[in-house]
Amino acid sequence: QVHLVESGGGSVQPGGSVRLSCTASGIMFGFSDVGWYRQAPGKQRDMVAKISNTWRAEYGESVKGRFTVFRDDAQKTIDLEMNNLKPEDTAVYYCWLALRNKESWGQGTQVTVSS
């Protein structure tokens, strides 16, 4: 059974930086596509950044140039480095993994950007 555990959320001022981390277990990590989604109150869950098992990265339009996604197949981790944060980045961030068309999700971690 896949298990994803996130860490690193919290509160930050506009313009600040936060790094989220997710550790996976119970999965052939190297064969999986991995990444991060987010969901703000009253809105749908959107893709933030993902990186395929061939190391191709993809980003949501609103975060391009500010966020970077990393994967470490040896450690089975997925990190999201978020810079120049804006109030509209406030959301619950979810770690995501997909293998053979089956998706798994973390429990979510809150990121709040406010002055």
PDB file of N, CA and C in Angstrom:
ATOM      1  N   GLN A   1       0.846  -1.184   0.000  1.00  0.00           N
ATOM      2  CA  GLN A   1       0.000   0.000   0.000  1.00  0.00           C
ATOM      3  C   GLN A   1       0.888   1.243   0.000  1.00  0.00           C
ATOM      4  N   VAL A   2       0.548   2.205  -0.876  1.00  0.00           N
ATOM      5  CA  VAL A   2       1.324   3.434  -0.986  1.00  0.00           C
ATOM      6  C   VAL A   2       1.031   4.336   0.201  1.00  0.00           C
ATOM      7  N   HIS A   3       2.095   4.932   0.722  1.00  0.00           N
ATOM      8  CA  HIS A   3       1.953   5.859   1.835  1.00  0.00           C
ATOM      9  C   HIS A   3       2.798   7.088   1.536  1.00  0.00           C
ATOM     10  N   LEU A   4       2.167   8.272   1.549  1.00  0.00           N
ATOM     11  CA  LEU A   4       2.864   9.528   1.269  1.00  0.00           C
ATOM     12  C   LEU A   4       2.731  10.432   2.486  1.00  0.00           C
ATOM     13  N   VAL A   5       3.849  10.937   2.979  1.00  0.00           N
ATOM     14  CA  VAL A   5       3.846  11.791   4.158  1.00  0.00           C
ATOM     15  C   VAL A   5       4.515  13.110   3.812  1.00  0.00           C
ATOM     16  N   GLU A   6       3.757  14.199   3.992  1.00  0.00           N
ATOM     17  CA  GLU A   6       4.262  15.538   3.669  1.00  0.00           C
ATOM     18  C   GLU A   6       4.764  16.242   4.915  1.00  0.00           C
ATOM     19  N   SER A   7       5.657  17.194   4.702  1.00  0.00           N
ATOM     20  CA  SER A   7       6.125  18.051   5.788  1.00  0.00           C
ATOM     21  C   SER A   7       6.558  19.388   5.200  1.00  0.00           C
ATOM     22  N   GLY A   8       6.652  20.391   6.066  1.00  0.00           N
ATOM     23  CA  GLY A   8       7.228  21.661   5.641  1.00  0.00           C
ATOM     24  C   GLY A   8       6.253  22.804   5.434  1.00  0.00           C
ATOM     25  N   GLY A   9       4.992  22.601   5.621  1.00  0.00           N
ATOM     26  CA  GLY A   9       4.047  23.701   5.451  1.00  0.00           C
ATOM     27  C   GLY A   9       4.135  24.693   6.588  1.00  0.00           C
ATOM     28  N   GLY A  10       3.375  25.792   6.483  1.00  0.00           N
ATOM     29  CA  GLY A  10       3.355  26.787   7.532  1.00  0.00           C
ATOM     30  C   GLY A  10       2.945  28.138   7.006  1.00  0.00           C
ATOM     31  N   SER A  11       3.245  29.164   7.775  1.00  0.00           N
ATOM     32  CA  SER A  11       2.890  30.536   7.403  1.00  0.00           C
ATOM     33  C   SER A  11       4.140  31.296   6.989  1.00  0.00           C
ATOM     34  N   VAL A  12       3.991  32.135   5.976  1.00  0.00           N
ATOM     35  CA  VAL A  12       5.116  32.900   5.461  1.00  0.00           C
ATOM     36  C   VAL A  12       4.596  34.220   4.927  1.00  0.00           C
ATOM     37  N   GLN A  13       5.433  35.233   4.936  1.00  0.00           N
ATOM     38  CA  GLN A  13       5.045  36.535   4.408  1.00  0.00           C
ATOM     39  C   GLN A  13       5.190  36.563   2.891  1.00  0.00           C
ATOM     40  N   PRO A  14       4.464  37.428   2.222  1.00  0.00           N
ATOM     41  CA  PRO A  14       4.621  37.569   0.766  1.00  0.00           C
ATOM     42  C   PRO A  14       6.075  37.839   0.400  1.00  0.00           C
ATOM     43  N   GLY A  15       6.523  37.180  -0.656  1.00  0.00           N
ATOM     44  CA  GLY A  15       7.913  37.295  -1.072  1.00  0.00           C
ATOM     45  C   GLY A  15       8.827  36.273  -0.429  1.00  0.00           C
ATOM     46  N   GLY A  16       8.313  35.546   0.537  1.00  0.00           N
ATOM     47  CA  GLY A  16       9.129  34.567   1.243  1.00  0.00           C
ATOM     48  C   GLY A  16       9.215  33.238   0.516  1.00  0.00           C
ATOM     49  N   SER A  17       9.893  32.288   1.154  1.00  0.00           N
ATOM     50  CA  SER A  17      10.121  30.974   0.559  1.00  0.00           C
ATOM     51  C   SER A  17       9.756  29.871   1.540  1.00  0.00           C
ATOM     52  N   VAL A  18       9.309  28.766   1.000  1.00  0.00           N
ATOM     53  CA  VAL A  18       8.999  27.568   1.777  1.00  0.00           C
ATOM     54  C   VAL A  18       9.396  26.352   0.943  1.00  0.00           C
ATOM     55  N   ARG A  19       9.882  25.343   1.613  1.00  0.00           N
ATOM     56  CA  ARG A  19      10.192  24.079   0.930  1.00  0.00           C
ATOM     57  C   ARG A  19       9.336  22.988   1.543  1.00  0.00           C
ATOM     58  N   LEU A  20       8.590  22.304   0.699  1.00  0.00           N
ATOM     59  CA  LEU A  20       7.792  21.164   1.123  1.00  0.00           C
ATOM     60  C   LEU A  20       8.522  19.877   0.760  1.00  0.00           C
ATOM     61  N   SER A  21       8.322  18.856   1.579  1.00  0.00           N
ATOM     62  CA  SER A  21       8.923  17.566   1.306  1.00  0.00           C
ATOM     63  C   SER A  21       7.888  16.463   1.472  1.00  0.00           C
ATOM     64  N   CYS A  22       8.018  15.432   0.673  1.00  0.00           N
ATOM     65  CA  CYS A  22       7.121  14.287   0.743  1.00  0.00           C
ATOM     66  C   CYS A  22       7.955  13.020   0.655  1.00  0.00           C
ATOM     67  N   THR A  23       7.699  12.092   1.543  1.00  0.00           N
ATOM     68  CA  THR A  23       8.403  10.804   1.530  1.00  0.00           C
ATOM     69  C   THR A  23       7.407   9.707   1.213  1.00  0.00           C
ATOM     70  N   ALA A  24       7.770   8.855   0.270  1.00  0.00           N
ATOM     71  CA  ALA A  24       6.898   7.766  -0.167  1.00  0.00           C
ATOM     72  C   ALA A  24       7.401   6.430   0.358  1.00  0.00           C
ATOM     73  N   SER A  25       6.466   5.514   0.546  1.00  0.00           N
ATOM     74  CA  SER A  25       6.817   4.147   0.917  1.00  0.00           C
ATOM     75  C   SER A  25       5.807   3.204   0.278  1.00  0.00           C
ATOM     76  N   GLY A  26       6.198   1.931   0.165  1.00  0.00           N
ATOM     77  CA  GLY A  26       5.284   0.927  -0.363  1.00  0.00           C
ATOM     78  C   GLY A  26       5.036   1.021  -1.840  1.00  0.00           C
ATOM     79  N   ILE A  27       6.000   1.536  -2.605  1.00  0.00           N
ATOM     80  CA  ILE A  27       5.782   1.770  -4.017  1.00  0.00           C
ATOM     81  C   ILE A  27       7.104   1.669  -4.769  1.00  0.00           C
ATOM     82  N   MET A  28       7.003   1.255  -6.060  1.00  0.00           N
ATOM     83  CA  MET A  28       8.177   1.288  -6.927  1.00  0.00           C
ATOM     84  C   MET A  28       8.376   2.727  -7.386  1.00  0.00           C
ATOM     85  N   PHE A  29       9.019   3.512  -6.564  1.00  0.00           N
ATOM     86  CA  PHE A  29       9.080   4.960  -6.739  1.00  0.00           C
ATOM     87  C   PHE A  29       9.672   5.355  -8.084  1.00  0.00           C
ATOM     88  N   GLY A  30      10.728   4.704  -8.493  1.00  0.00           N
ATOM     89  CA  GLY A  30      11.431   5.085  -9.713  1.00  0.00           C
ATOM     90  C   GLY A  30      10.592   4.950 -10.974  1.00  0.00           C
ATOM     91  N   PHE A  31       9.546   4.152 -10.936  1.00  0.00           N
ATOM     92  CA  PHE A  31       8.674   3.976 -12.093  1.00  0.00           C
ATOM     93  C   PHE A  31       7.474   4.925 -12.075  1.00  0.00           C
ATOM     94  N   SER A  32       7.383   5.740 -11.046  1.00  0.00           N
ATOM     95  CA  SER A  32       6.200   6.568 -10.837  1.00  0.00           C
ATOM     96  C   SER A  32       6.400   7.999 -11.321  1.00  0.00           C
ATOM     97  N   ASP A  33       5.297   8.631 -11.716  1.00  0.00           N
ATOM     98  CA  ASP A  33       5.254  10.074 -11.892  1.00  0.00           C
ATOM     99  C   ASP A  33       4.889  10.669 -10.532  1.00  0.00           C
ATOM    100  N   VAL A  34       5.514  11.780 -10.162  1.00  0.00           N
ATOM    101  CA  VAL A  34       5.296  12.354  -8.837  1.00  0.00           C
ATOM    102  C   VAL A  34       5.143  13.861  -8.940  1.00  0.00           C
ATOM    103  N   GLY A  35       4.600  14.463  -7.883  1.00  0.00           N
ATOM    104  CA  GLY A  35       4.477  15.914  -7.908  1.00  0.00           C
ATOM    105  C   GLY A  35       3.629  16.454  -6.789  1.00  0.00           C
ATOM    106  N   TRP A  36       3.132  17.667  -7.014  1.00  0.00           N
ATOM    107  CA  TRP A  36       2.353  18.396  -6.020  1.00  0.00           C
ATOM    108  C   TRP A  36       1.141  19.051  -6.659  1.00  0.00           C
ATOM    109  N   TYR A  37       0.021  18.991  -5.949  1.00  0.00           N
ATOM    110  CA  TYR A  37      -1.196  19.703  -6.291  1.00  0.00           C
ATOM    111  C   TYR A  37      -1.548  20.606  -5.111  1.00  0.00           C
ATOM    112  N   ARG A  38      -2.455  21.530  -5.351  1.00  0.00           N
ATOM    113  CA  ARG A  38      -2.932  22.372  -4.243  1.00  0.00           C
ATOM    114  C   ARG A  38      -4.418  22.672  -4.401  1.00  0.00           C
ATOM    115  N   GLN A  39      -5.030  22.953  -3.257  1.00  0.00           N
ATOM    116  CA  GLN A  39      -6.448  23.277  -3.253  1.00  0.00           C
ATOM    117  C   GLN A  39      -6.703  24.413  -2.276  1.00  0.00           C
ATOM    118  N   ALA A  40      -7.190  25.531  -2.805  1.00  0.00           N
ATOM    119  CA  ALA A  40      -7.573  26.665  -1.980  1.00  0.00           C
ATOM    120  C   ALA A  40      -9.046  26.516  -1.601  1.00  0.00           C
ATOM    121  N   PRO A  41      -9.487  27.180  -0.526  1.00  0.00           N
ATOM    122  CA  PRO A  41     -10.885  27.066  -0.097  1.00  0.00           C
ATOM    123  C   PRO A  41     -11.848  27.448  -1.219  1.00  0.00           C
ATOM    124  N   GLY A  42     -12.815  26.583  -1.460  1.00  0.00           N
ATOM    125  CA  GLY A  42     -13.825  26.860  -2.469  1.00  0.00           C
ATOM    126  C   GLY A  42     -13.376  26.667  -3.901  1.00  0.00           C
ATOM    127  N   LYS A  43     -12.176  26.149  -4.101  1.00  0.00           N
ATOM    128  CA  LYS A  43     -11.657  25.970  -5.460  1.00  0.00           C
ATOM    129  C   LYS A  43     -11.313  24.515  -5.712  1.00  0.00           C
ATOM    130  N   GLN A  44     -11.127  24.165  -6.977  1.00  0.00           N
ATOM    131  CA  GLN A  44     -10.760  22.798  -7.324  1.00  0.00           C
ATOM    132  C   GLN A  44      -9.274  22.564  -7.035  1.00  0.00           C
ATOM    133  N   ARG A  45      -8.915  21.294  -6.987  1.00  0.00           N
ATOM    134  CA  ARG A  45      -7.517  20.936  -6.785  1.00  0.00           C
ATOM    135  C   ARG A  45      -6.785  21.085  -8.122  1.00  0.00           C
ATOM    136  N   ASP A  46      -5.693  21.829  -8.111  1.00  0.00           N
ATOM    137  CA  ASP A  46      -4.942  22.104  -9.330  1.00  0.00           C
ATOM    138  C   ASP A  46      -3.517  21.561  -9.246  1.00  0.00           C
ATOM    139  N   MET A  47      -2.980  21.223 -10.391  1.00  0.00           N
ATOM    140  CA  MET A  47      -1.602  20.773 -10.475  1.00  0.00           C
ATOM    141  C   MET A  47      -0.662  21.957 -10.259  1.00  0.00           C
ATOM    142  N   VAL A  48       0.300  21.783  -9.378  1.00  0.00           N
ATOM    143  CA  VAL A  48       1.314  22.806  -9.145  1.00  0.00           C
ATOM    144  C   VAL A  48       2.581  22.478  -9.936  1.00  0.00           C
ATOM    145  N   ALA A  49       3.077  21.281  -9.717  1.00  0.00           N
ATOM    146  CA  ALA A  49       4.297  20.842 -10.400  1.00  0.00           C
ATOM    147  C   ALA A  49       4.357  19.330 -10.349  1.00  0.00           C
ATOM    148  N   LYS A  50       4.832  18.743 -11.430  1.00  0.00           N
ATOM    149  CA  LYS A  50       5.026  17.304 -11.421  1.00  0.00           C
ATOM    150  C   LYS A  50       6.233  16.951 -12.255  1.00  0.00           C
ATOM    151  N   ILE A  51       6.791  15.771 -11.962  1.00  0.00           N
ATOM    152  CA  ILE A  51       7.979  15.324 -12.677  1.00  0.00           C
ATOM    153  C   ILE A  51       7.793  13.836 -12.972  1.00  0.00           C
ATOM    154  N   SER A  52       7.978  13.502 -14.220  1.00  0.00           N
ATOM    155  CA  SER A  52       7.710  12.139 -14.654  1.00  0.00           C
ATOM    156  C   SER A  52       8.844  11.199 -14.274  1.00  0.00           C
ATOM    157  N   ASN A  53       8.616   9.900 -14.539  1.00  0.00           N
ATOM    158  CA  ASN A  53       9.675   8.921 -14.251  1.00  0.00           C
ATOM    159  C   ASN A  53      10.831   9.023 -15.242  1.00  0.00           C
ATOM    160  N   THR A  54      10.663   9.854 -16.271  1.00  0.00           N
ATOM    161  CA  THR A  54      11.767  10.146 -17.192  1.00  0.00           C
ATOM    162  C   THR A  54      12.350  11.533 -16.907  1.00  0.00           C
ATOM    163  N   TRP A  55      11.986  12.096 -15.773  1.00  0.00           N
ATOM    164  CA  TRP A  55      12.550  13.358 -15.276  1.00  0.00           C
ATOM    165  C   TRP A  55      12.107  14.582 -16.065  1.00  0.00           C
ATOM    166  N   ARG A  56      10.977  14.491 -16.717  1.00  0.00           N
ATOM    167  CA  ARG A  56      10.423  15.654 -17.393  1.00  0.00           C
ATOM    168  C   ARG A  56       9.523  16.401 -16.426  1.00  0.00           C
ATOM    169  N   ALA A  57       9.824  17.679 -16.208  1.00  0.00           N
ATOM    170  CA  ALA A  57       9.073  18.482 -15.248  1.00  0.00           C
ATOM    171  C   ALA A  57       8.015  19.325 -15.956  1.00  0.00           C
ATOM    172  N   GLU A  58       6.920  19.542 -15.250  1.00  0.00           N
ATOM    173  CA  GLU A  58       5.817  20.350 -15.768  1.00  0.00           C
ATOM    174  C   GLU A  58       5.295  21.209 -14.629  1.00  0.00           C
ATOM    175  N   TYR A  59       4.938  22.475 -14.928  1.00  0.00           N
ATOM    176  CA  TYR A  59       4.503  23.405 -13.896  1.00  0.00           C
ATOM    177  C   TYR A  59       3.189  24.071 -14.272  1.00  0.00           C
ATOM    178  N   GLY A  60       2.404  24.402 -13.252  1.00  0.00           N
ATOM    179  CA  GLY A  60       1.232  25.223 -13.478  1.00  0.00           C
ATOM    180  C   GLY A  60       1.657  26.619 -13.903  1.00  0.00           C
ATOM    181  N   GLU A  61       0.825  27.264 -14.717  1.00  0.00           N
ATOM    182  CA  GLU A  61       1.201  28.571 -15.250  1.00  0.00           C
ATOM    183  C   GLU A  61       1.489  29.598 -14.157  1.00  0.00           C
ATOM    184  N   SER A  62       0.724  29.571 -13.091  1.00  0.00           N
ATOM    185  CA  SER A  62       0.848  30.604 -12.062  1.00  0.00           C
ATOM    186  C   SER A  62       2.114  30.462 -11.214  1.00  0.00           C
ATOM    187  N   VAL A  63       2.813  29.327 -11.318  1.00  0.00           N
ATOM    188  CA  VAL A  63       3.999  29.121 -10.476  1.00  0.00           C
ATOM    189  C   VAL A  63       5.299  29.038 -11.272  1.00  0.00           C
ATOM    190  N   LYS A  64       5.201  29.071 -12.579  1.00  0.00           N
ATOM    191  CA  LYS A  64       6.409  28.976 -13.408  1.00  0.00           C
ATOM    192  C   LYS A  64       7.389  30.088 -13.058  1.00  0.00           C
ATOM    193  N   GLY A  65       8.648  29.695 -12.908  1.00  0.00           N
ATOM    194  CA  GLY A  65       9.685  30.663 -12.569  1.00  0.00           C
ATOM    195  C   GLY A  65       9.827  30.925 -11.083  1.00  0.00           C
ATOM    196  N   ARG A  66       8.874  30.435 -10.288  1.00  0.00           N
ATOM    197  CA  ARG A  66       8.935  30.654  -8.836  1.00  0.00           C
ATOM    198  C   ARG A  66       9.093  29.345  -8.061  1.00  0.00           C
ATOM    199  N   PHE A  67       8.515  28.279  -8.570  1.00  0.00           N
ATOM    200  CA  PHE A  67       8.540  26.982  -7.888  1.00  0.00           C
ATOM    201  C   PHE A  67       9.432  26.005  -8.667  1.00  0.00           C
ATOM    202  N   THR A  68      10.058  25.100  -7.916  1.00  0.00           N
ATOM    203  CA  THR A  68      10.863  24.038  -8.535  1.00  0.00           C
ATOM    204  C   THR A  68      10.561  22.722  -7.843  1.00  0.00           C
ATOM    205  N   VAL A  69      10.323  21.683  -8.634  1.00  0.00           N
ATOM    206  CA  VAL A  69      10.057  20.358  -8.081  1.00  0.00           C
ATOM    207  C   VAL A  69      11.302  19.488  -8.235  1.00  0.00           C
ATOM    208  N   PHE A  70      11.573  18.685  -7.200  1.00  0.00           N
ATOM    209  CA  PHE A  70      12.725  17.792  -7.185  1.00  0.00           C
ATOM    210  C   PHE A  70      12.244  16.391  -6.821  1.00  0.00           C
ATOM    211  N   ARG A  71      12.927  15.389  -7.366  1.00  0.00           N
ATOM    212  CA  ARG A  71      12.691  14.021  -6.921  1.00  0.00           C
ATOM    213  C   ARG A  71      14.026  13.352  -6.636  1.00  0.00           C
ATOM    214  N   ASP A  72      14.011  12.482  -5.641  1.00  0.00           N
ATOM    215  CA  ASP A  72      15.189  11.696  -5.290  1.00  0.00           C
ATOM    216  C   ASP A  72      14.729  10.248  -5.234  1.00  0.00           C
ATOM    217  N   ASP A  73      15.050   9.488  -6.265  1.00  0.00           N
ATOM    218  CA  ASP A  73      14.550   8.121  -6.341  1.00  0.00           C
ATOM    219  C   ASP A  73      15.183   7.208  -5.297  1.00  0.00           C
ATOM    220  N   ALA A  74      16.392   7.497  -4.893  1.00  0.00           N
ATOM    221  CA  ALA A  74      17.057   6.679  -3.871  1.00  0.00           C
ATOM    222  C   ALA A  74      16.388   6.878  -2.509  1.00  0.00           C
ATOM    223  N   GLN A  75      16.048   8.125  -2.191  1.00  0.00           N
ATOM    224  CA  GLN A  75      15.413   8.422  -0.905  1.00  0.00           C
ATOM    225  C   GLN A  75      13.894   8.341  -0.976  1.00  0.00           C
ATOM    226  N   LYS A  76      13.338   8.221  -2.175  1.00  0.00           N
ATOM    227  CA  LYS A  76      11.886   8.208  -2.395  1.00  0.00           C
ATOM    228  C   LYS A  76      11.244   9.483  -1.864  1.00  0.00           C
ATOM    229  N   THR A  77      11.810  10.609  -2.243  1.00  0.00           N
ATOM    230  CA  THR A  77      11.265  11.891  -1.801  1.00  0.00           C
ATOM    231  C   THR A  77      10.908  12.794  -2.984  1.00  0.00           C
ATOM    232  N   ILE A  78       9.945  13.651  -2.718  1.00  0.00           N
ATOM    233  CA  ILE A  78       9.526  14.653  -3.702  1.00  0.00           C
ATOM    234  C   ILE A  78       9.513  15.986  -2.965  1.00  0.00           C
ATOM    235  N   ASP A  79      10.317  16.927  -3.388  1.00  0.00           N
ATOM    236  CA  ASP A  79      10.384  18.226  -2.746  1.00  0.00           C
ATOM    237  C   ASP A  79       9.822  19.298  -3.669  1.00  0.00           C
ATOM    238  N   LEU A  80       9.277  20.335  -3.046  1.00  0.00           N
ATOM    239  CA  LEU A  80       8.792  21.490  -3.802  1.00  0.00           C
ATOM    240  C   LEU A  80       9.386  22.744  -3.168  1.00  0.00           C
ATOM    241  N   GLU A  81      10.251  23.400  -3.901  1.00  0.00           N
ATOM    242  CA  GLU A  81      10.846  24.653  -3.457  1.00  0.00           C
ATOM    243  C   GLU A  81       9.987  25.791  -3.998  1.00  0.00           C
ATOM    244  N   MET A  82       9.457  26.613  -3.083  1.00  0.00           N
ATOM    245  CA  MET A  82       8.551  27.690  -3.467  1.00  0.00           C
ATOM    246  C   MET A  82       9.176  29.027  -3.079  1.00  0.00           C
ATOM    247  N   ASN A  83       9.409  29.864  -4.059  1.00  0.00           N
ATOM    248  CA  ASN A  83      10.020  31.170  -3.842  1.00  0.00           C
ATOM    249  C   ASN A  83       9.078  32.285  -4.273  1.00  0.00           C
ATOM    250  N   ASN A  84       9.364  33.492  -3.775  1.00  0.00           N
ATOM    251  CA  ASN A  84       8.551  34.662  -4.113  1.00  0.00           C
ATOM    252  C   ASN A  84       7.054  34.362  -3.950  1.00  0.00           C
ATOM    253  N   LEU A  85       6.706  33.862  -2.789  1.00  0.00           N
ATOM    254  CA  LEU A  85       5.333  33.444  -2.543  1.00  0.00           C
ATOM    255  C   LEU A  85       4.384  34.625  -2.517  1.00  0.00           C
ATOM    256  N   LYS A  86       3.164  34.374  -2.983  1.00  0.00           N
ATOM    257  CA  LYS A  86       2.122  35.393  -3.059  1.00  0.00           C
ATOM    258  C   LYS A  86       0.914  34.944  -2.243  1.00  0.00           C
ATOM    259  N   PRO A  87       0.084  35.876  -1.808  1.00  0.00           N
ATOM    260  CA  PRO A  87      -1.110  35.469  -1.048  1.00  0.00           C
ATOM    261  C   PRO A  87      -1.974  34.453  -1.792  1.00  0.00           C
ATOM    262  N   GLU A  88      -2.008  34.529  -3.107  1.00  0.00           N
ATOM    263  CA  GLU A  88      -2.821  33.582  -3.874  1.00  0.00           C
ATOM    264  C   GLU A  88      -2.225  32.181  -3.910  1.00  0.00           C
ATOM    265  N   ASP A  89      -1.035  32.002  -3.370  1.00  0.00           N
ATOM    266  CA  ASP A  89      -0.458  30.662  -3.234  1.00  0.00           C
ATOM    267  C   ASP A  89      -0.975  29.945  -1.995  1.00  0.00           C
ATOM    268  N   THR A  90      -1.736  30.656  -1.166  1.00  0.00           N
ATOM    269  CA  THR A  90      -2.298  30.048   0.033  1.00  0.00           C
ATOM    270  C   THR A  90      -3.224  28.895  -0.336  1.00  0.00           C
ATOM    271  N   ALA A  91      -2.955  27.721   0.226  1.00  0.00           N
ATOM    272  CA  ALA A  91      -3.733  26.535  -0.110  1.00  0.00           C
ATOM    273  C   ALA A  91      -3.241  25.358   0.730  1.00  0.00           C
ATOM    274  N   VAL A  92      -3.976  24.263   0.651  1.00  0.00           N
ATOM    275  CA  VAL A  92      -3.475  22.986   1.151  1.00  0.00           C
ATOM    276  C   VAL A  92      -2.738  22.316  -0.009  1.00  0.00           C
ATOM    277  N   TYR A  93      -1.505  21.929   0.229  1.00  0.00           N
ATOM    278  CA  TYR A  93      -0.664  21.317  -0.791  1.00  0.00           C
ATOM    279  C   TYR A  93      -0.623  19.800  -0.563  1.00  0.00           C
ATOM    280  N   TYR A  94      -0.858  19.069  -1.649  1.00  0.00           N
ATOM    281  CA  TYR A  94      -0.925  17.613  -1.586  1.00  0.00           C
ATOM    282  C   TYR A  94       0.176  16.985  -2.420  1.00  0.00           C
ATOM    283  N   CYS A  95       0.868  16.064  -1.843  1.00  0.00           N
ATOM    284  CA  CYS A  95       1.817  15.235  -2.565  1.00  0.00           C
ATOM    285  C   CYS A  95       1.046  14.232  -3.418  1.00  0.00           C
ATOM    286  N   TRP A  96       1.536  13.954  -4.594  1.00  0.00           N
ATOM    287  CA  TRP A  96       0.823  13.100  -5.562  1.00  0.00           C
ATOM    288  C   TRP A  96       1.793  12.117  -6.195  1.00  0.00           C
ATOM    289  N   LEU A  97       1.304  10.911  -6.443  1.00  0.00           N
ATOM    290  CA  LEU A  97       2.109   9.899  -7.111  1.00  0.00           C
ATOM    291  C   LEU A  97       1.189   9.093  -8.009  1.00  0.00           C
ATOM    292  N   ALA A  98       1.660   8.766  -9.199  1.00  0.00           N
ATOM    293  CA  ALA A  98       0.870   7.974 -10.135  1.00  0.00           C
ATOM    294  C   ALA A  98       1.730   6.857 -10.717  1.00  0.00           C
ATOM    295  N   LEU A  99       1.174   5.645 -10.682  1.00  0.00           N
ATOM    296  CA  LEU A  99       1.858   4.487 -11.232  1.00  0.00           C
ATOM    297  C   LEU A  99       0.821   3.597 -11.898  1.00  0.00           C
ATOM    298  N   ARG A 100       1.011   3.317 -13.167  1.00  0.00           N
ATOM    299  CA  ARG A 100       0.095   2.457 -13.926  1.00  0.00           C
ATOM    300  C   ARG A 100      -1.337   2.950 -13.784  1.00  0.00           C
ATOM    301  N   ASN A 101      -1.535   4.255 -13.971  1.00  0.00           N
ATOM    302  CA  ASN A 101      -2.857   4.903 -13.943  1.00  0.00           C
ATOM    303  C   ASN A 101      -3.535   4.852 -12.578  1.00  0.00           C
ATOM    304  N   LYS A 102      -2.825   4.514 -11.553  1.00  0.00           N
ATOM    305  CA  LYS A 102      -3.384   4.556 -10.199  1.00  0.00           C
ATOM    306  C   LYS A 102      -2.721   5.703  -9.447  1.00  0.00           C
ATOM    307  N   GLU A 103      -3.561   6.596  -8.882  1.00  0.00           N
ATOM    308  CA  GLU A 103      -3.047   7.762  -8.188  1.00  0.00           C
ATOM    309  C   GLU A 103      -3.093   7.569  -6.669  1.00  0.00           C
ATOM    310  N   SER A 104      -2.115   8.168  -6.000  1.00  0.00           N
ATOM    311  CA  SER A 104      -2.091   8.177  -4.539  1.00  0.00           C
ATOM    312  C   SER A 104      -1.849   9.612  -4.081  1.00  0.00           C
ATOM    313  N   TRP A 105      -2.391   9.928  -2.901  1.00  0.00           N
ATOM    314  CA  TRP A 105      -2.307  11.290  -2.377  1.00  0.00           C
ATOM    315  C   TRP A 105      -1.823  11.291  -0.935  1.00  0.00           C
ATOM    316  N   GLY A 106      -1.092  12.347  -0.578  1.00  0.00           N
ATOM    317  CA  GLY A 106      -0.747  12.570   0.807  1.00  0.00           C
ATOM    318  C   GLY A 106      -1.928  13.194   1.544  1.00  0.00           C
ATOM    319  N   GLN A 107      -1.734  13.444   2.836  1.00  0.00           N
ATOM    320  CA  GLN A 107      -2.815  13.975   3.655  1.00  0.00           C
ATOM    321  C   GLN A 107      -2.968  15.480   3.497  1.00  0.00           C
ATOM    322  N   GLY A 108      -1.976  16.140   2.915  1.00  0.00           N
ATOM    323  CA  GLY A 108      -2.032  17.577   2.694  1.00  0.00           C
ATOM    324  C   GLY A 108      -1.320  18.359   3.780  1.00  0.00           C
ATOM    325  N   THR A 109      -0.730  19.487   3.390  1.00  0.00           N
ATOM    326  CA  THR A 109      -0.079  20.380   4.339  1.00  0.00           C
ATOM    327  C   THR A 109      -0.440  21.823   3.967  1.00  0.00           C
ATOM    328  N   GLN A 110      -0.795  22.599   4.972  1.00  0.00           N
ATOM    329  CA  GLN A 110      -1.270  23.960   4.739  1.00  0.00           C
ATOM    330  C   GLN A 110      -0.093  24.911   4.547  1.00  0.00           C
ATOM    331  N   VAL A 111      -0.209  25.757   3.526  1.00  0.00           N
ATOM    332  CA  VAL A 111       0.720  26.859   3.306  1.00  0.00           C
ATOM    333  C   VAL A 111      -0.110  28.137   3.275  1.00  0.00           C
ATOM    334  N   THR A 112       0.222  29.071   4.157  1.00  0.00           N
ATOM    335  CA  THR A 112      -0.497  30.338   4.229  1.00  0.00           C
ATOM    336  C   THR A 112       0.484  31.480   3.967  1.00  0.00           C
ATOM    337  N   VAL A 113       0.152  32.319   2.997  1.00  0.00           N
ATOM    338  CA  VAL A 113       0.997  33.457   2.644  1.00  0.00           C
ATOM    339  C   VAL A 113       0.230  34.730   3.008  1.00  0.00           C
ATOM    340  N   SER A 114       0.721  35.414   4.018  1.00  0.00           N
ATOM    341  CA  SER A 114      -0.005  36.583   4.517  1.00  0.00           C
ATOM    342  C   SER A 114       0.950  37.510   5.237  1.00  0.00           C
ATOM    343  N   SER A 115       0.667  38.796   5.153  1.00  0.00           N
ATOM    344  CA  SER A 115       1.457  39.779   5.891  1.00  0.00           C
ATOM    345  C   SER A 115       0.814  40.073   7.248  1.00  0.00           C
TER     346      SER A 115
END
